[in-house]
């Protein structure tokens, strides 16, 4: 406890403490402390007070931020916050717990609010103090009400007498004292208190007592107020209700506005508990009570009306209605006709017809009656409002597990690992309350982690239900068995087959694989299948139901047939979608396939596992372009390679196409990796060359094979493609030819024309991915020529197109490149924004190469800015991401190149430059080689080899085929050389380097013995 001297200093602390962890503005502090007489220099006055407060409090507790100050403590460190939190918890707790929570909250008070602060003339302070005092009185009233409900009225007389004396016009305290006096047998005193209060209200306020107080006065006169009359058979619960915070209130509101409400949902979803808790909350407003009619024990054909009579307590006597003879339903109608009552018809599903008939008869003849039913399907009568009881969301599910776990063992723990394991349990059980409670019971004999790892066999594991529960609620299997047994044979068949779907099913898919639409609708109505989506619904089962149905599918011997039907449907869907992915309707079909992503993957994995070569390759070939476009490249690579590697009889065209898809994936790094893809290219070419090709992708195997066979003459293989009948093929051929002419041949001839024609072609067919690729290529060319602003505009448009199709990994590189160009333009704000977006996009990507590429780009930019420490940190991050596995090599080469520019020691710089050169040459990508040659030129310059450095600049330009003005090192190195050699000497050396063998130049510059290197270059 820290003693804070001075009223204003205490006022400052109080203002901050009332909002712990949040900023309190300087102007609010002035209003709070000085009120209508602020100091002339408000800023300095507040700062002076804050300084004094900081000297009293521990270091770092008072922080300055955004024009105000913050008390850097957790909310539960402040009594006011703890008080309000306890009061909020009490509102949803049962009376015993509610009373205890409120007692704990009230124990935090030490007198009137802010009594030792009291700055004068501050309306802000006065309002806060008044609010806190009112909260205190309200909490006190709630605690007294809870105690009264628990039957402790006679014990409260003394306390309430004092409160009424202090607050004579507060009718809540007056009513509570009247109840307490009546319960203690002192009704006359209660009547006297009412009369005294009535006179005082009239004298001081000119009003009559409230309707509630008047009704209580009448009850005391009649002798009916000596304790709460509970017209209900609802039992007191042994456990707290855990669910969505406003769920009870929502159902109560429905029941208040509609006379028949049915809570539907699968077994174990918590329908009964929600219904009884809702009914309990409505009890005070129902003069004739709330009655639970449990239908679960009844067999079909039983008399439901008699069960209701028994539940209400009538049996053969006429406690409510005054009749003895007649059929049970007639006696029930007579008894309830004039009563304002709520019947809870629980578990109607196995007697649904009889329950519907009873509810219809009662509601039709008993106009003040309300019915709240629970069932796995609606009763299906006019006027019914149904509400689906969904499984618990993540937070309440975890809360339920923790609450029930605490009942069976005291050492469960609340550390991060335990909570994570509990969250896994809740997810595995789909948030189903009964399953969670069964899981909690198992914690008597195993740890949370053990339980989490054993839920693969959930039906065998979850068998420890309460001995007093219904038999069908004692094990998880019994819960689902109950629903299964109520289905027709045809409904069971549909439910079994639906288990082969992953991630839900569209209506068309479900009907094709499972059966009739009407049966699917019936399963939805019986809460075994969920229909999601506001538009076209998707049908899915919770994991528990899906596992049960899959077991039943296997028992029926139908698994293979259902999986084949599932595979056939999704292969047909992918093959239908594939051509549309290269047209204007691309986005619609991508969305269709994205919705079925899990099904596509499950179907292909199943086909691979079952050894179905033809089917697996067909699906991989058809889905490959979707995976590539939509940001599923890691999965696409894995599945396409697995399918393409299968043995078996498969048509040449299918094999050729899936090999081509594999080639697309394994060469998707910058510049491609044709060496890794060589076997796939050669095999695809062998299979496709005699039969021609019908699929657009197959046409591109010929140039790839020619590039392997005749690296210097392969570009002519694109000539037939640029004249193809398919406009997409023509555009892609132009773009591929332009890229490869530069990257393989270092030749600029026609590349800009090809790029622009490709862009126009992709725009014409509406392929956004193609548009983005062409825009990025044109932007790269603009950047090399120094048109950085135009290049960035093209990158922006490319990013928009890529985002539409979902190829987020490509966005990362484009934004990182933009960040570098904006920095070269001198626009550091836009540079930082572009890099921040690149980092944000990278957050959802698992490819190490993409993340390493971003780290290297950030490192390069940091080096240009002169921040060597940040550059090295980014390079270390890239190295950790790559490890020893960098299939394309270009990221490692760039990283080594940046390292070389950062190294102060020349020997260290030479080692990095040599490694960058080795990796770049192995990759065979000319633009990368040119970049590395520039780095070696920098090394030569640092060693004083100016002519050698100039030759290397010339060699780099020759390798790339054009100057690159987006590399600031070139201008820096050239300026330093010109200063030493002059313009003429520099030009001659550059020209010489362009004619010389770049390998020899680089190797000589990298040689450790520089004397021999100089001799070889003279």
Foldseek 3Di string as FASTA:
>chain_A
DFDDDDLLLVQLVVVQLVPAPDWDALVVSQLRRANPDGDPPSVVVVVVSVVSNCVRDDPPQWADDDRGIHRHDDNVVRLVSQLVVLQVVLVQWQLVSSLVSLVVSLVSDDDQPPVSRDRPNRPSNVVVSVVSVVVNVVSVLSNLVSCQQVVNLLVCLVVLVVVCVVVVQPVSSLLSNCLSCLLVVNLVVNLVSQVVSQVVCCVPPNDGDDPVSVVSNVCSVVSNSNGDDAQEPDDDDPAGDFAPPCLLVVVLVVQVVFQAEEEAAAFLQCLVVSVSVSQVVCQVVFPNHEWEQECVVPAAPDDSLQSRCVRSPCNQHQPQQHDRDDDSLVSSLRRQQAGQYEYEYEECANHLQNVLVSVVVNCVRRVNYGYYYYYNFDSPDPRYHYDYRAAHDQVSLLVLLVRLLCVQDPPLDDDPVSSVLSSLLCVLVRNRNLLSNLLSNLCNPDHSNVSSVPCVVQQVRRQCADPPDDPLSRGLVSSVVVLLVSDDPLLLQLLLLQLLADLFAFLVLSCQLGHDPVSVVVCCRSNQWPWDDPPRTTIDGRNSSSVVSPVVCVVVVNVVVSLVSLLVVLLVLLQVLQVVCLFQCNLVSLVVCVSRVRSLLSSLVVCLVVLVQQSNLSSLLSCLVSCQQAANLVVNLVSLVSSLPGDDDYQLQSNLSSLLSNLCSQQVPVPGQLVVSVVSLVSSCVSDVPVPHDDLSSLVSQLSNCCVVPVVPSLCSLVVQCVDPDLLSVLVSLQVSLQCCQFRVVANPCSLVSLVSSLVSSVVRNNLQSNLSSLQVNLQVCQQVPVLVSSLVSLVSSLVSSVSRNNLLVNLVSLLLNLLSCVVVVNNVSSVVSLVVSVVSCVPHDQLVSQLLSLLSQLQSCVVVVNNVSNVVSLVSSCVSCPVNDSQLLSQLSSLLSVLSSDPDLLSSLVSLVVSCVSCVVNSTQLSNLSSLQSLLVSCVVVVNLLLSLLSNLCSCLSSNHGGPSDVSSVVSLVSSCVVLNPVSSVVSSVNSSPDDNVLSSCLSSDPPVVVSVVVVD
